[in-house]
């Protein structure tokens, strides 16, 4: 009997301990931020104009500006005007892991929602309509440039692997661990094009490969490539006039955190319905055209 009483008491203590641990384990981002007084924003430093390390080591970019709007909404929601905002550098390889482990609360960059990724993290409403582009040296073989631009020479069916042009000796660089890497490999395989795909750690490494002629092209988010070509030496690099894929970009957050996701989507929706979004867009991409403004109106959710 005494043994039974001890066992029951031990079980009760274990259950109580487990019950006490539940709120901490299940605490959402709002509780986490309220308790810590800090919001941690992850960003990739190589995805300008979306996210990058600006002057004095500060984070800048379009996605960063959106996340700061979310931070303002969070300050108001939690009545924490002195809420600290911390920027945490992440990479294409570890950004979702950083979310899952709680090292960051929101990923502010160029994240493409996919069903596979939704098994690990959640996403906000879309923040941009992007697409895959290709950056090359301006003095690259004209036939290769025309092939990538879908303007093949009738006498040289290069997209189908004309001898001496698209072979395993041709290298295409792409940031590893991205949806662009996957779509590039699948697209080449579908067209039976045998080239070497070289995953790189970031855009800077891919740009260096193109500049040094170790890669014929760098594939990536077209706005990022356009910005890189524009900031480089005049006439050195070019981005072909073709989007290989069209993908929505979004902010990523921890999976199953409905309250925080609602706050993020509400903040973005109100911004996208306002006149402020045009000025914010212009700061990073130039004056928006009617299509860009219509995108923001379309994705914004009504109150």
Foldseek 3Di string as FASTA:
>chain_A
DVVVVVVVVVVVVVVVVVVVCVCVVPPFPLVVCLVVLEAEEEEAQQQPQQWHQDPPRHIHHLLVVLVVLLVVLSCVVSVPPPRHYHYDYDFLVCPLVCQQVVVHFKYRYFAFDDPVCLVRWDWAFFDDKWFKWKKAWLPFDPQVLCVRLVNHDPVAPPLLPGPPPQAQQAEEEEAPNGVQLVVVVVVCVVSVGHYHYHHDGHVVVRVVCRLVVVHRIYMDTVLSSVVVQVPDDPRTMDIHPDGPGITTGTMIGGHPNVVSSVSSLQSQLVCLVDPNVQVSCCVRPRGDDPVRSVVSPVRRDDD
